[in-house]
Protein backbone atom coordinates (compact mmCIF):
# COMPACT_ATOMS: atom_id res chain seq x y z
CA MET A 1 158.30 118.98 73.95
CA LYS A 2 156.17 117.11 76.40
CA ILE A 3 153.32 117.58 78.88
CA ARG A 4 154.74 118.39 82.31
CA LYS A 5 154.15 115.93 85.11
CA GLY A 6 151.06 116.70 87.18
CA PHE A 7 148.68 117.62 84.36
CA ILE A 8 146.06 115.10 83.34
CA LEU A 9 143.41 114.94 80.64
CA ARG A 10 140.01 113.54 81.53
CA LYS A 11 136.78 113.16 79.61
CA VAL A 12 133.88 114.38 81.74
CA ALA A 13 130.32 114.29 80.42
CA GLY A 14 131.63 113.99 76.88
CA LYS A 15 133.99 116.98 77.22
CA TYR A 16 137.78 116.94 77.55
CA VAL A 17 139.32 118.84 80.45
CA VAL A 18 142.87 119.23 81.70
CA VAL A 19 143.37 119.51 85.43
CA ALA A 20 146.45 119.86 87.58
CA VAL A 21 147.24 117.55 90.47
CA GLY A 22 149.79 117.77 93.24
CA PRO A 23 152.40 120.53 92.99
CA ALA A 24 151.29 121.38 89.44
CA SER A 25 148.06 122.77 90.86
CA LYS A 26 150.06 125.82 91.97
CA SER A 27 150.42 126.90 88.33
CA LEU A 28 146.91 125.97 87.15
CA ASN A 29 143.95 126.84 89.32
CA GLY A 30 140.93 125.48 87.52
CA MET A 31 140.91 123.60 84.26
CA ILE A 32 141.48 123.89 80.54
CA LYS A 33 138.70 122.72 78.21
CA LEU A 34 139.85 120.95 75.05
CA ASN A 35 138.02 119.98 71.90
CA ASP A 36 138.74 116.77 69.99
CA THR A 37 141.64 118.41 68.16
CA GLY A 38 143.17 119.58 71.43
CA ALA A 39 142.85 116.08 72.90
CA PHE A 40 144.50 114.67 69.75
CA CYS A 41 147.46 117.04 70.21
CA TRP A 42 147.59 116.38 73.97
CA ASP A 43 148.02 112.64 73.39
CA TYR A 44 151.03 113.23 71.14
CA LEU A 45 152.50 115.74 73.58
CA LEU A 46 152.29 113.13 76.32
CA GLN A 47 154.61 110.97 74.23
CA GLY A 48 157.01 113.82 73.53
CA ILE A 49 156.87 115.23 70.01
CA SER A 50 158.43 118.12 68.16
CA LYS A 51 156.29 121.05 67.09
CA GLU A 52 156.96 120.22 63.43
CA ASP A 53 155.87 116.60 63.85
CA LEU A 54 152.73 117.71 65.65
CA VAL A 55 151.88 120.12 62.81
CA ASN A 56 152.36 117.35 60.25
CA ARG A 57 150.20 114.86 62.17
CA LEU A 58 147.45 117.41 62.70
CA ALA A 59 147.40 118.36 59.01
CA ALA A 60 147.20 114.71 57.98
CA GLU A 61 144.56 113.69 60.54
CA TYR A 62 142.19 116.61 59.99
CA ASP A 63 142.84 117.24 56.28
CA VAL A 64 143.79 120.88 56.72
CA THR A 65 146.61 122.81 55.12
CA ARG A 66 149.97 122.70 56.81
CA GLU A 67 149.74 126.47 57.31
CA GLN A 68 146.41 126.17 59.13
CA ALA A 69 147.73 123.30 61.23
CA ALA A 70 150.81 125.38 62.15
CA GLN A 71 148.62 128.29 63.28
CA ASP A 72 146.41 125.97 65.34
CA VAL A 73 149.36 124.21 66.95
CA LYS A 74 150.99 127.54 67.83
CA ALA A 75 147.79 128.80 69.49
CA PHE A 76 147.36 125.53 71.39
CA LEU A 77 150.97 125.47 72.60
CA ASP A 78 150.72 129.12 73.67
CA THR A 79 147.70 128.23 75.82
CA LEU A 80 149.55 125.30 77.39
CA ARG A 81 152.62 127.46 78.03
CA GLU A 82 150.54 130.11 79.80
CA ALA A 83 149.08 127.41 82.04
CA GLY A 84 152.53 125.93 82.77
CA CYS A 85 151.67 122.57 81.19
CA LEU A 86 154.65 122.19 78.86
CA ASP A 87 158.12 120.87 79.43
CA GLU A 88 159.95 122.11 76.36
CA GLU A 89 163.35 120.50 76.93
CA GLU A 90 164.03 118.20 74.01
């Protein structure tokens, strides 16, 4: 899965925000605020990564259980899906 074209991550005043540009702005009016963990996941999603690989990287980076990482990744991906940010063709 990968971040869909037209969505960009910016750091503004020390906070991470995702905004839509161009045609993508039709599906996201406003912005999504991300914490450091969300920005970490976003960077891997830009490169194209499977859900399983993302769970494994998150668990390793933040020293959490794989189960906790899986729950967090699912919640994050659900948020991105609702906003139309994901291209899930692999």
